Structures are given as C-alpha cells and as structure tokens.
C-alpha cells in the first residue's frame, strides 16, 4: 500500500479527542475543561501536527528517503511513529540531558530509527548538532521537517480550539473565559489562541513555563532574565532557552498581544502540581498537571465565579519517567 493511501487510514484516528470536565471543590463552582490530547495514537497532540506535516510531505515528487527531526519528547515519539508507519528512514536528535522514558518509547515504536544524543545546553545543543547534520557534503543530507516553524503546525493546533468550542456549544456554553497553555514552541498558544480570540475577544490567554527558563515571560514583558542557568529544569517540552521559536518571538504571530499573562512556575509549585496526579483520573504528564495547577491558582487569585476554563492535557504520564540510557 502506498504512503498516501496509508495516511488516509490513519487520519480518522487522530484528533476529535474528548473534552473532559474536572469537578474539584477547589474550583469554587467554576467550570474547568481539559482537551484530552493524550488519547491520540502516540499519546500527545503532536499526532495532529505530524498528520498535517506528512500530508504535505507526501505531495513532493520525488519523495525524500531520509527525514530528520529535533525533539525533547512528544514530537519525537510522533515523528518516529509516522516514519515507521509510512516507511521513511529517520533520525531524531534528542538532548542528552533529557533522561525520560521518551527515548525508550521511540525505540519501541520504531526500532530502525537513529537516535542521536546531542551534548550542550538542552535544545540549543540539539540545534547545533542539526546544523552540522544539514551541512552539504557531510554524508547524506536528510529532509528536516522542522515542526516548530511550520504553518501546518498552527493549522493542526487550531483544531484543538475548534473542536473544543463545538463540544462546549453542545453543552450550552458559548464562551471561554480563560485558556491556559504551556509555553513550549508556542504552537499550542498561537494556534488555539487565535481561534478562541476570534470567537470571543474577552478570552484571557494565560501561559505558563518554568521559572528557570522564562522564554515567554521575557518576550511578553520585555524584561531581561536574571543570572541563572536557564537550561536546568524538568518541565520538558517548555522553557527552551536559547532557541528563537517564531510562534513566540515573531510579532507577526501576535504572541505579546494575545497573551494576557505568563506565569513562571517555581520548583516548589511544580512539586505541588505533581500531587494533582492523585486527583486526576487519568495518567497525564507533568505539563498537564501544571496546567491544572495554574487554573486553580487563577481561581484563588481572582476569586472568579461561574467562569469557564479550557486547558490541554497534552500527553501521558509514562513519558516522564526518569530513566538512563
């Protein structure tokens, strides 16, 4: 079966995820909904992204034989899955400092994939490694999918908001007061955010990230970071210091105007957020638990009543297990 036919079979399995309402006493009667992106085939929203990227890739003639990507986890898992399913030879660059179960999952999904561990500072070291791999004349030059800079990525993440609005409308809810999202490469802020703002300009978009790596905070406020090691944190998938992601840094995407506030999560708050795993009836990851923690913090700070919150349960908890090589 050709790859174009195979991807059509996969398409119905991706997206259209449930929207779950969480009813905690601490929510004070406010409505809190989480889009269950962890129920996509590889357990994250990145299946939506790579579906669109590979649909575009398959229009090329001739098709590239070798593909390459950079990731600290979820994107790499989805990339490996699609490459295996569609028959592409692939390489994934992962920062050596990231010691989570993601590597083992990638190997399990796609035993033939090449996993290259980059040294240096988190994703910045991975990008340097990538530049060397893409240098003409240095072996076979693979095709770089570059998920953090593609319009297809935003088109894919927009669907998270479009589906959520449709699901809420079915429940008789026609507006979202707060949308809470993690600050990774910015795609799950800009994509869903511009849909939600178009639906209701009053929707407040709250972004969170580790205090150690205030990428979004510095962009939003214009402040310069204090002296710190901006690479040492364990909220993987966020706080990629040293990388200029266009969805965050380029004003054409409207990050600064769209975002109401960027919350910096301290180590103490991070640890408190992880305790929410005992209350959430699904095995979701660190970022998802921190999103829920930020929702609870907003409710406590604003004393809001009868508000509707939307956030994303990005992925599964198994991916965050700390392991060696």
C-alpha atoms as a PDB file:
ATOM      1  CA  UNK A   1       0.000   0.000   0.000  1.00  0.00           C
ATOM      2  CA  UNK A   2       1.334   3.452  -0.914  1.00  0.00           C
ATOM      3  CA  UNK A   3       2.031   6.031   1.789  1.00  0.00           C
ATOM      4  CA  UNK A   4      -0.763   8.336   0.547  1.00  0.00           C
ATOM      5  CA  UNK A   5      -3.289   5.557   0.990  1.00  0.00           C
ATOM      6  CA  UNK A   6      -1.887   4.571   4.388  1.00  0.00           C
ATOM      7  CA  UNK A   7      -2.140   8.094   5.799  1.00  0.00           C
ATOM      8  CA  UNK A   8      -5.811   8.240   4.805  1.00  0.00           C
ATOM      9  CA  UNK A   9      -6.412   5.207   7.001  1.00  0.00           C
ATOM     10  CA  UNK A  10      -4.651   6.902   9.904  1.00  0.00           C
ATOM     11  CA  UNK A  11      -6.424  10.254   9.610  1.00  0.00           C
ATOM     12  CA  UNK A  12      -9.735   9.227  11.272  1.00  0.00           C
ATOM     13  CA  UNK A  13      -7.827   8.061  14.363  1.00  0.00           C
ATOM     14  CA  UNK A  14      -6.255  11.446  15.086  1.00  0.00           C
ATOM     15  CA  UNK A  15      -7.947  14.382  16.775  1.00  0.00           C
ATOM     16  CA  UNK A  16     -11.614  14.631  17.731  1.00  0.00           C
ATOM     17  CA  UNK A  17     -10.468  13.961  21.297  1.00  0.00           C
ATOM     18  CA  UNK A  18     -12.890  14.143  24.225  1.00  0.00           C
ATOM     19  CA  UNK A  19     -13.319  17.281  26.303  1.00  0.00           C
ATOM     20  CA  UNK A  20     -13.377  16.337  29.965  1.00  0.00           C
ATOM     21  CA  UNK A  21     -14.819  18.461  32.752  1.00  0.00           C
ATOM     22  CA  UNK A  22     -12.993  18.279  36.079  1.00  0.00           C
ATOM     23  CA  UNK A  23     -15.056  18.952  39.184  1.00  0.00           C
ATOM     24  CA  UNK A  24     -12.805  19.717  42.137  1.00  0.00           C
ATOM     25  CA  UNK A  25     -14.137  21.512  45.250  1.00  0.00           C
ATOM     26  CA  UNK A  26     -11.196  23.934  44.879  1.00  0.00           C
ATOM     27  CA  UNK A  27     -12.651  25.175  41.581  1.00  0.00           C
ATOM     28  CA  UNK A  28     -15.340  27.054  43.513  1.00  0.00           C
ATOM     29  CA  UNK A  29     -18.109  26.234  41.070  1.00  0.00           C
ATOM     30  CA  UNK A  30     -16.177  27.402  38.008  1.00  0.00           C
ATOM     31  CA  UNK A  31     -16.246  25.098  35.009  1.00  0.00           C
ATOM     32  CA  UNK A  32     -12.863  23.585  34.112  1.00  0.00           C
ATOM     33  CA  UNK A  33     -12.422  21.591  30.903  1.00  0.00           C
ATOM     34  CA  UNK A  34      -9.369  19.742  29.579  1.00  0.00           C
ATOM     35  CA  UNK A  35      -8.942  18.640  25.962  1.00  0.00           C
ATOM     36  CA  UNK A  36      -7.745  15.037  26.148  1.00  0.00           C
ATOM     37  CA  UNK A  37      -4.904  15.140  23.626  1.00  0.00           C
ATOM     38  CA  UNK A  38      -3.228  12.244  25.420  1.00  0.00           C
ATOM     39  CA  UNK A  39      -5.776   9.979  23.713  1.00  0.00           C
ATOM     40  CA  UNK A  40      -4.223  10.454  20.281  1.00  0.00           C
ATOM     41  CA  UNK A  41      -2.457   7.307  18.926  1.00  0.00           C
ATOM     42  CA  UNK A  42       1.018   8.096  20.352  1.00  0.00           C
ATOM     43  CA  UNK A  43      -0.358   9.883  23.392  1.00  0.00           C
ATOM     44  CA  UNK A  44       0.024  13.575  22.518  1.00  0.00           C
ATOM     45  CA  UNK A  45      -1.243  16.484  20.405  1.00  0.00           C
ATOM     46  CA  UNK A  46       1.764  16.066  18.110  1.00  0.00           C
ATOM     47  CA  UNK A  47      -0.075  13.381  16.168  1.00  0.00           C
ATOM     48  CA  UNK A  48      -2.257  16.203  14.816  1.00  0.00           C
ATOM     49  CA  UNK A  49       0.875  18.105  13.801  1.00  0.00           C
ATOM     50  CA  UNK A  50       2.650  15.253  12.042  1.00  0.00           C
ATOM     51  CA  UNK A  51      -0.515  14.223  10.243  1.00  0.00           C
ATOM     52  CA  UNK A  52      -0.504  17.631   8.553  1.00  0.00           C
ATOM     53  CA  UNK A  53       3.264  17.686   8.004  1.00  0.00           C
ATOM     54  CA  UNK A  54       3.300  14.273   6.361  1.00  0.00           C
ATOM     55  CA  UNK A  55       0.263  15.057   4.216  1.00  0.00           C
ATOM     56  CA  UNK A  56       2.265  17.980   2.833  1.00  0.00           C
ATOM     57  CA  UNK A  57       5.442  15.909   2.527  1.00  0.00           C
ATOM     58  CA  UNK A  58       3.665  13.230   0.506  1.00  0.00           C
ATOM     59  CA  UNK A  59       2.853  15.796  -2.181  1.00  0.00           C
ATOM     60  CA  UNK A  60       6.545  16.014  -3.078  1.00  0.00           C
ATOM     61  CA  UNK A  61       7.884  14.301  -6.169  1.00  0.00           C
ATOM     62  CA  UNK A  62      10.255  12.638  -5.716  1.00  0.00           C
ATOM     63  CA  UNK A  63       9.753  11.843  -2.062  1.00  0.00           C
ATOM     64  CA  UNK A  64      12.780  12.264   0.217  1.00  0.00           C
ATOM     65  CA  UNK A  65      14.154   8.988   1.530  1.00  0.00           C
ATOM     66  CA  UNK A  66      15.675  10.257   4.775  1.00  0.00           C
ATOM     67  CA  UNK A  67      13.999  12.502   7.359  1.00  0.00           C
ATOM     68  CA  UNK A  68      15.316  14.213  10.477  1.00  0.00           C
ATOM     69  CA  UNK A  69      13.764  15.992  13.459  1.00  0.00           C
ATOM     70  CA  UNK A  70      14.737  17.580  16.781  1.00  0.00           C
ATOM     71  CA  UNK A  71      12.687  16.930  19.903  1.00  0.00           C
ATOM     72  CA  UNK A  72      12.813  16.601  23.666  1.00  0.00           C
ATOM     73  CA  UNK A  73       9.970  14.073  23.756  1.00  0.00           C
ATOM     74  CA  UNK A  74       6.445  14.119  22.356  1.00  0.00           C
ATOM     75  CA  UNK A  75       7.281  15.393  18.872  1.00  0.00           C
ATOM     76  CA  UNK A  76       9.982  12.747  18.537  1.00  0.00           C
ATOM     77  CA  UNK A  77       7.612   9.951  19.522  1.00  0.00           C
ATOM     78  CA  UNK A  78       5.005  11.022  16.983  1.00  0.00           C
ATOM     79  CA  UNK A  79       7.654  11.562  14.294  1.00  0.00           C
ATOM     80  CA  UNK A  80       9.045   8.060  14.889  1.00  0.00           C
ATOM     81  CA  UNK A  81       5.550   6.569  14.653  1.00  0.00           C
ATOM     82  CA  UNK A  82       4.726   8.245  11.340  1.00  0.00           C
ATOM     83  CA  UNK A  83       8.097   7.358   9.822  1.00  0.00           C
ATOM     84  CA  UNK A  84       7.674   3.704  10.764  1.00  0.00           C
ATOM     85  CA  UNK A  85       4.082   3.571   9.514  1.00  0.00           C
ATOM     86  CA  UNK A  86       4.792   5.328   6.220  1.00  0.00           C
ATOM     87  CA  UNK A  87       8.162   3.687   5.534  1.00  0.00           C
ATOM     88  CA  UNK A  88      10.660   6.540   5.878  1.00  0.00           C
ATOM     89  CA  UNK A  89      14.215   6.172   7.128  1.00  0.00           C
ATOM     90  CA  UNK A  90      14.538   8.591  10.024  1.00  0.00           C
ATOM     91  CA  UNK A  91      16.839  10.222  12.570  1.00  0.00           C
ATOM     92  CA  UNK A  92      15.751  12.024  15.720  1.00  0.00           C
ATOM     93  CA  UNK A  93      18.049  14.377  17.655  1.00  0.00           C
ATOM     94  CA  UNK A  94      17.375  14.454  21.394  1.00  0.00           C
ATOM     95  CA  UNK A  95      19.298  16.447  24.022  1.00  0.00           C
ATOM     96  CA  UNK A  96      21.377  14.007  26.085  1.00  0.00           C
ATOM     97  CA  UNK A  97      20.290  15.883  29.227  1.00  0.00           C
ATOM     98  CA  UNK A  98      16.698  14.763  28.735  1.00  0.00           C
ATOM     99  CA  UNK A  99      16.539  11.423  30.513  1.00  0.00           C
ATOM    100  CA  UNK A 100      12.904  10.471  30.295  1.00  0.00           C
ATOM    101  CA  UNK A 101      11.092   7.395  29.090  1.00  0.00           C
ATOM    102  CA  UNK A 102      10.558   9.115  25.725  1.00  0.00           C
ATOM    103  CA  UNK A 103      13.713   7.566  24.258  1.00  0.00           C
ATOM    104  CA  UNK A 104      12.610   4.047  25.165  1.00  0.00           C
ATOM    105  CA  UNK A 105       9.156   4.708  23.683  1.00  0.00           C
ATOM    106  CA  UNK A 106      10.739   5.951  20.447  1.00  0.00           C
ATOM    107  CA  UNK A 107      12.883   2.826  20.220  1.00  0.00           C
ATOM    108  CA  UNK A 108       9.875   0.613  20.900  1.00  0.00           C
ATOM    109  CA  UNK A 109       7.725   2.332  18.268  1.00  0.00           C
ATOM    110  CA  UNK A 110      10.414   2.453  15.606  1.00  0.00           C
ATOM    111  CA  UNK A 111      13.373   0.105  16.215  1.00  0.00           C
ATOM    112  CA  UNK A 112      15.052   1.199  12.965  1.00  0.00           C
ATOM    113  CA  UNK A 113      15.161   4.920  13.785  1.00  0.00           C
ATOM    114  CA  UNK A 114      18.514   6.554  14.531  1.00  0.00           C
ATOM    115  CA  UNK A 115      18.538   8.385  17.868  1.00  0.00           C
ATOM    116  CA  UNK A 116      21.331  10.955  18.079  1.00  0.00           C
ATOM    117  CA  UNK A 117      22.018  12.405  21.517  1.00  0.00           C
ATOM    118  CA  UNK A 118      23.275  15.986  21.404  1.00  0.00           C
ATOM    119  CA  UNK A 119      25.515  17.416  24.092  1.00  0.00           C
ATOM    120  CA  UNK A 120      25.385  21.020  25.280  1.00  0.00           C
ATOM    121  CA  UNK A 121      22.573  23.119  26.630  1.00  0.00           C
ATOM    122  CA  UNK A 122      19.215  21.407  26.247  1.00  0.00           C
ATOM    123  CA  UNK A 123      17.670  22.087  22.796  1.00  0.00           C
ATOM    124  CA  UNK A 124      20.329  24.649  21.878  1.00  0.00           C
ATOM    125  CA  UNK A 125      22.866  21.834  21.680  1.00  0.00           C
ATOM    126  CA  UNK A 126      20.450  19.779  19.574  1.00  0.00           C
ATOM    127  CA  UNK A 127      20.050  22.644  17.103  1.00  0.00           C
ATOM    128  CA  UNK A 128      23.830  22.950  16.762  1.00  0.00           C
ATOM    129  CA  UNK A 129      24.019  19.218  16.100  1.00  0.00           C
ATOM    130  CA  UNK A 130      21.279  19.591  13.486  1.00  0.00           C
ATOM    131  CA  UNK A 131      23.135  22.377  11.674  1.00  0.00           C
ATOM    132  CA  UNK A 132      26.140  20.106  11.319  1.00  0.00           C
ATOM    133  CA  UNK A 133      23.967  17.254  10.012  1.00  0.00           C
ATOM    134  CA  UNK A 134      22.404  19.529   7.382  1.00  0.00           C
ATOM    135  CA  UNK A 135      25.738  20.852   6.108  1.00  0.00           C
ATOM    136  CA  UNK A 136      26.003  19.977   2.371  1.00  0.00           C
ATOM    137  CA  UNK A 137      28.674  17.417   1.607  1.00  0.00           C
ATOM    138  CA  UNK A 138      28.659  15.872   5.083  1.00  0.00           C
ATOM    139  CA  UNK A 139      27.205  12.485   4.233  1.00  0.00           C
ATOM    140  CA  UNK A 140      23.592  12.103   3.093  1.00  0.00           C
ATOM    141  CA  UNK A 141      21.597  15.282   3.765  1.00  0.00           C
ATOM    142  CA  UNK A 142      18.175  14.347   5.189  1.00  0.00           C
ATOM    143  CA  UNK A 143      14.940  16.354   4.905  1.00  0.00           C
ATOM    144  CA  UNK A 144      14.257  18.386   8.063  1.00  0.00           C
ATOM    145  CA  UNK A 145      10.544  18.513   8.939  1.00  0.00           C
ATOM    146  CA  UNK A 146      11.035  21.455  11.342  1.00  0.00           C
ATOM    147  CA  UNK A 147       7.731  21.136  13.191  1.00  0.00           C
ATOM    148  CA  UNK A 148       8.363  24.228  15.348  1.00  0.00           C
ATOM    149  CA  UNK A 149       8.289  26.628  12.388  1.00  0.00           C
ATOM    150  CA  UNK A 150       5.627  25.330  10.020  1.00  0.00           C
ATOM    151  CA  UNK A 151       2.225  26.790   9.224  1.00  0.00           C
ATOM    152  CA  UNK A 152       0.865  23.241   9.119  1.00  0.00           C
ATOM    153  CA  UNK A 153       1.654  23.043  12.832  1.00  0.00           C
ATOM    154  CA  UNK A 154      -0.581  26.012  13.598  1.00  0.00           C
ATOM    155  CA  UNK A 155      -3.328  24.650  11.348  1.00  0.00           C
ATOM    156  CA  UNK A 156      -3.188  21.400  13.294  1.00  0.00           C
ATOM    157  CA  UNK A 157      -3.321  23.007  16.745  1.00  0.00           C
ATOM    158  CA  UNK A 158      -6.144  25.342  15.721  1.00  0.00           C
ATOM    159  CA  UNK A 159      -8.323  22.243  15.555  1.00  0.00           C
ATOM    160  CA  UNK A 160      -7.901  21.748  19.310  1.00  0.00           C
ATOM    161  CA  UNK A 161      -9.797  25.003  19.856  1.00  0.00           C
ATOM    162  CA  UNK A 162     -12.313  24.464  17.049  1.00  0.00           C
ATOM    163  CA  UNK A 163     -13.279  21.070  18.435  1.00  0.00           C
ATOM    164  CA  UNK A 164     -13.425  22.425  21.998  1.00  0.00           C
ATOM    165  CA  UNK A 165     -15.771  25.257  21.007  1.00  0.00           C
ATOM    166  CA  UNK A 166     -18.052  22.796  19.236  1.00  0.00           C
ATOM    167  CA  UNK A 167     -18.064  20.462  22.236  1.00  0.00           C
ATOM    168  CA  UNK A 168     -18.779  23.310  24.664  1.00  0.00           C
ATOM    169  CA  UNK A 169     -21.535  24.640  22.449  1.00  0.00           C
ATOM    170  CA  UNK A 170     -23.169  21.218  22.626  1.00  0.00           C
ATOM    171  CA  UNK A 171     -23.190  21.672  26.419  1.00  0.00           C
ATOM    172  CA  UNK A 172     -24.774  25.115  26.069  1.00  0.00           C
ATOM    173  CA  UNK A 173     -21.547  27.004  26.836  1.00  0.00           C
ATOM    174  CA  UNK A 174     -20.812  29.698  24.261  1.00  0.00           C
ATOM    175  CA  UNK A 175     -17.715  31.381  25.675  1.00  0.00           C
ATOM    176  CA  UNK A 176     -14.391  30.568  27.300  1.00  0.00           C
ATOM    177  CA  UNK A 177     -13.152  32.995  29.935  1.00  0.00           C
ATOM    178  CA  UNK A 178      -9.635  31.580  30.369  1.00  0.00           C
ATOM    179  CA  UNK A 179      -7.433  29.437  28.160  1.00  0.00           C
ATOM    180  CA  UNK A 180      -4.349  28.067  29.957  1.00  0.00           C
ATOM    181  CA  UNK A 181      -1.488  26.726  27.832  1.00  0.00           C
ATOM    182  CA  UNK A 182       2.163  25.750  28.216  1.00  0.00           C
ATOM    183  CA  UNK A 183       4.930  27.804  26.621  1.00  0.00           C
ATOM    184  CA  UNK A 184       6.878  25.318  24.515  1.00  0.00           C
ATOM    185  CA  UNK A 185       7.448  26.288  20.895  1.00  0.00           C
ATOM    186  CA  UNK A 186       4.274  28.376  21.071  1.00  0.00           C
ATOM    187  CA  UNK A 187       2.133  26.310  18.709  1.00  0.00           C
ATOM    188  CA  UNK A 188      -0.490  25.365  21.316  1.00  0.00           C
ATOM    189  CA  UNK A 189      -0.729  29.036  22.279  1.00  0.00           C
ATOM    190  CA  UNK A 190      -0.940  30.719  18.876  1.00  0.00           C
ATOM    191  CA  UNK A 191      -2.952  28.029  17.068  1.00  0.00           C
ATOM    192  CA  UNK A 192      -5.811  27.592  19.567  1.00  0.00           C
ATOM    193  CA  UNK A 193      -5.418  31.155  20.896  1.00  0.00           C
ATOM    194  CA  UNK A 194      -6.251  32.925  17.666  1.00  0.00           C
ATOM    195  CA  UNK A 195      -9.330  30.740  17.218  1.00  0.00           C
ATOM    196  CA  UNK A 196     -10.513  31.459  20.756  1.00  0.00           C
ATOM    197  CA  UNK A 197      -9.841  35.192  20.429  1.00  0.00           C
ATOM    198  CA  UNK A 198     -11.801  35.303  17.183  1.00  0.00           C
ATOM    199  CA  UNK A 199     -14.689  33.576  18.916  1.00  0.00           C
ATOM    200  CA  UNK A 200     -14.531  35.860  21.972  1.00  0.00           C
ATOM    201  CA  UNK A 201     -12.083  38.749  22.224  1.00  0.00           C
ATOM    202  CA  UNK A 202     -12.531  38.746  26.017  1.00  0.00           C
ATOM    203  CA  UNK A 203     -10.994  35.293  26.430  1.00  0.00           C
ATOM    204  CA  UNK A 204      -7.868  35.628  28.587  1.00  0.00           C
ATOM    205  CA  UNK A 205      -4.929  33.522  27.471  1.00  0.00           C
ATOM    206  CA  UNK A 206      -2.643  32.534  30.338  1.00  0.00           C
ATOM    207  CA  UNK A 207       0.700  30.918  29.573  1.00  0.00           C
ATOM    208  CA  UNK A 208       2.990  29.074  31.973  1.00  0.00           C
ATOM    209  CA  UNK A 209       6.612  27.933  31.900  1.00  0.00           C
ATOM    210  CA  UNK A 210       9.403  27.017  34.364  1.00  0.00           C
ATOM    211  CA  UNK A 211      10.834  29.940  36.316  1.00  0.00           C
ATOM    212  CA  UNK A 212      14.325  28.773  35.368  1.00  0.00           C
ATOM    213  CA  UNK A 213      13.698  29.429  31.650  1.00  0.00           C
ATOM    214  CA  UNK A 214      11.364  32.442  31.243  1.00  0.00           C
ATOM    215  CA  UNK A 215      11.170  32.429  27.428  1.00  0.00           C
ATOM    216  CA  UNK A 216       7.575  33.622  27.119  1.00  0.00           C
ATOM    217  CA  UNK A 217       7.807  35.916  30.136  1.00  0.00           C
ATOM    218  CA  UNK A 218      10.756  37.829  28.702  1.00  0.00           C
ATOM    219  CA  UNK A 219       9.015  38.149  25.334  1.00  0.00           C
ATOM    220  CA  UNK A 220       5.791  39.369  26.920  1.00  0.00           C
ATOM    221  CA  UNK A 221       7.323  41.842  29.382  1.00  0.00           C
ATOM    222  CA  UNK A 222      10.494  42.852  27.575  1.00  0.00           C
ATOM    223  CA  UNK A 223      12.432  42.134  30.761  1.00  0.00           C
ATOM    224  CA  UNK A 224      15.905  40.675  30.669  1.00  0.00           C
ATOM    225  CA  UNK A 225      16.410  37.480  32.649  1.00  0.00           C
ATOM    226  CA  UNK A 226      18.350  37.461  35.869  1.00  0.00           C
ATOM    227  CA  UNK A 227      21.553  35.460  36.167  1.00  0.00           C
ATOM    228  CA  UNK A 228      20.573  31.810  36.148  1.00  0.00           C
ATOM    229  CA  UNK A 229      21.116  28.526  34.399  1.00  0.00           C
ATOM    230  CA  UNK A 230      18.161  28.629  32.035  1.00  0.00           C
ATOM    231  CA  UNK A 231      18.653  25.076  30.851  1.00  0.00           C
ATOM    232  CA  UNK A 232      18.182  23.131  34.068  1.00  0.00           C
ATOM    233  CA  UNK A 233      14.546  22.314  34.614  1.00  0.00           C
ATOM    234  CA  UNK A 234      12.386  19.206  34.288  1.00  0.00           C
ATOM    235  CA  UNK A 235       9.258  20.644  32.665  1.00  0.00           C
ATOM    236  CA  UNK A 236      10.394  19.094  29.392  1.00  0.00           C
ATOM    237  CA  UNK A 237       8.756  20.467  26.266  1.00  0.00           C
ATOM    238  CA  UNK A 238       8.716  24.006  27.686  1.00  0.00           C
ATOM    239  CA  UNK A 239      11.286  26.669  28.523  1.00  0.00           C
ATOM    240  CA  UNK A 240      13.563  26.015  25.541  1.00  0.00           C
ATOM    241  CA  UNK A 241      16.034  28.773  26.337  1.00  0.00           C
ATOM    242  CA  UNK A 242      18.394  29.856  23.564  1.00  0.00           C
ATOM    243  CA  UNK A 243      16.049  28.869  20.690  1.00  0.00           C
ATOM    244  CA  UNK A 244      14.143  31.509  18.749  1.00  0.00           C
ATOM    245  CA  UNK A 245      10.766  29.963  18.056  1.00  0.00           C
ATOM    246  CA  UNK A 246       8.885  32.094  15.511  1.00  0.00           C
ATOM    247  CA  UNK A 247       5.490  31.339  17.087  1.00  0.00           C
ATOM    248  CA  UNK A 248       6.723  33.169  20.200  1.00  0.00           C
ATOM    249  CA  UNK A 249       9.364  35.621  19.052  1.00  0.00           C
ATOM    250  CA  UNK A 250       7.958  36.999  15.800  1.00  0.00           C
ATOM    251  CA  UNK A 251       5.352  39.720  16.254  1.00  0.00           C
ATOM    252  CA  UNK A 252       3.548  38.602  13.083  1.00  0.00           C
ATOM    253  CA  UNK A 253       2.015  35.823  15.186  1.00  0.00           C
ATOM    254  CA  UNK A 254       0.866  38.225  17.899  1.00  0.00           C
ATOM    255  CA  UNK A 255       2.193  36.391  20.959  1.00  0.00           C
ATOM    256  CA  UNK A 256       2.688  39.509  23.111  1.00  0.00           C
ATOM    257  CA  UNK A 257      -0.739  40.987  22.357  1.00  0.00           C
ATOM    258  CA  UNK A 258      -2.599  37.696  22.509  1.00  0.00           C
ATOM    259  CA  UNK A 259      -1.238  36.550  25.876  1.00  0.00           C
ATOM    260  CA  UNK A 260      -2.674  38.148  28.993  1.00  0.00           C
ATOM    261  CA  UNK A 261      -0.049  36.846  31.399  1.00  0.00           C
ATOM    262  CA  UNK A 262       2.907  34.468  31.591  1.00  0.00           C
ATOM    263  CA  UNK A 263       3.108  32.524  34.851  1.00  0.00           C
ATOM    264  CA  UNK A 264       6.547  31.352  35.957  1.00  0.00           C
ATOM    265  CA  UNK A 265       6.360  28.061  37.840  1.00  0.00           C
ATOM    266  CA  UNK A 266       8.812  27.676  40.714  1.00  0.00           C
ATOM    267  CA  UNK A 267      10.269  24.310  41.695  1.00  0.00           C
ATOM    268  CA  UNK A 268       8.054  24.288  44.800  1.00  0.00           C
ATOM    269  CA  UNK A 269       4.937  24.977  42.714  1.00  0.00           C
ATOM    270  CA  UNK A 270       5.999  22.323  40.220  1.00  0.00           C
ATOM    271  CA  UNK A 271       6.199  19.744  43.005  1.00  0.00           C
ATOM    272  CA  UNK A 272       2.787  20.816  44.298  1.00  0.00           C
ATOM    273  CA  UNK A 273       1.332  20.470  40.814  1.00  0.00           C
ATOM    274  CA  UNK A 274       2.553  16.879  40.563  1.00  0.00           C
ATOM    275  CA  UNK A 275       0.460  15.994  43.609  1.00  0.00           C
ATOM    276  CA  UNK A 276      -2.620  16.595  41.444  1.00  0.00           C
ATOM    277  CA  UNK A 277      -1.932  13.246  39.777  1.00  0.00           C
ATOM    278  CA  UNK A 278      -3.663  11.661  42.773  1.00  0.00           C
ATOM    279  CA  UNK A 279      -6.844  13.584  41.942  1.00  0.00           C
ATOM    280  CA  UNK A 280      -6.884  13.369  38.152  1.00  0.00           C
ATOM    281  CA  UNK A 281      -8.416  10.065  36.982  1.00  0.00           C
ATOM    282  CA  UNK A 282      -6.009   9.699  34.036  1.00  0.00           C
ATOM    283  CA  UNK A 283      -2.266   9.234  33.811  1.00  0.00           C
ATOM    284  CA  UNK A 284      -1.325  12.602  32.335  1.00  0.00           C
ATOM    285  CA  UNK A 285       2.088  14.250  32.159  1.00  0.00           C
ATOM    286  CA  UNK A 286       3.871  16.959  34.098  1.00  0.00           C
ATOM    287  CA  UNK A 287       2.791  19.761  31.776  1.00  0.00           C
ATOM    288  CA  UNK A 288      -0.862  18.770  32.019  1.00  0.00           C
ATOM    289  CA  UNK A 289      -0.735  18.719  35.821  1.00  0.00           C
ATOM    290  CA  UNK A 290       0.941  22.129  35.881  1.00  0.00           C
ATOM    291  CA  UNK A 291      -1.778  23.484  33.591  1.00  0.00           C
ATOM    292  CA  UNK A 292      -4.381  22.355  36.091  1.00  0.00           C
ATOM    293  CA  UNK A 293      -2.348  23.880  38.925  1.00  0.00           C
ATOM    294  CA  UNK A 294      -2.311  27.241  37.125  1.00  0.00           C
ATOM    295  CA  UNK A 295      -6.094  27.059  36.632  1.00  0.00           C
ATOM    296  CA  UNK A 296      -6.518  26.533  40.370  1.00  0.00           C
ATOM    297  CA  UNK A 297      -4.135  29.433  41.110  1.00  0.00           C
ATOM    298  CA  UNK A 298      -6.107  31.800  38.855  1.00  0.00           C
ATOM    299  CA  UNK A 299      -9.336  30.864  40.620  1.00  0.00           C
ATOM    300  CA  UNK A 300      -7.721  31.536  44.008  1.00  0.00           C
ATOM    301  CA  UNK A 301      -6.214  34.861  42.917  1.00  0.00           C
ATOM    302  CA  UNK A 302      -9.169  36.336  41.020  1.00  0.00           C
ATOM    303  CA  UNK A 303     -11.963  34.866  43.201  1.00  0.00           C
ATOM    304  CA  UNK A 304     -13.837  34.408  39.931  1.00  0.00           C
ATOM    305  CA  UNK A 305     -17.254  32.796  39.868  1.00  0.00           C
ATOM    306  CA  UNK A 306     -19.083  30.993  37.071  1.00  0.00           C
ATOM    307  CA  UNK A 307     -16.119  31.225  34.708  1.00  0.00           C
ATOM    308  CA  UNK A 308     -15.237  28.666  32.065  1.00  0.00           C
ATOM    309  CA  UNK A 309     -11.635  27.466  31.837  1.00  0.00           C
ATOM    310  CA  UNK A 310     -10.103  25.480  28.998  1.00  0.00           C
ATOM    311  CA  UNK A 311      -6.728  23.786  29.110  1.00  0.00           C
ATOM    312  CA  UNK A 312      -4.980  20.912  27.371  1.00  0.00           C
ATOM    313  CA  UNK A 313      -3.988  17.549  28.724  1.00  0.00           C
ATOM    314  CA  UNK A 314      -1.029  17.283  26.389  1.00  0.00           C
ATOM    315  CA  UNK A 315       0.317  13.801  26.939  1.00  0.00           C
ATOM    316  CA  UNK A 316       0.615  10.704  29.102  1.00  0.00           C
ATOM    317  CA  UNK A 317       2.496  10.407  32.351  1.00  0.00           C
ATOM    318  CA  UNK A 318       4.539   7.353  31.323  1.00  0.00           C
ATOM    319  CA  UNK A 319       6.700   9.581  29.092  1.00  0.00           C
ATOM    320  CA  UNK A 320       8.131  11.450  32.083  1.00  0.00           C
ATOM    321  CA  UNK A 321       9.602   8.524  33.980  1.00  0.00           C
ATOM    322  CA  UNK A 322      13.245   9.355  34.731  1.00  0.00           C
ATOM    323  CA  UNK A 323      15.478   6.708  33.201  1.00  0.00           C
ATOM    324  CA  UNK A 324      19.032   6.266  31.997  1.00  0.00           C
ATOM    325  CA  UNK A 325      20.212   5.264  28.560  1.00  0.00           C
END
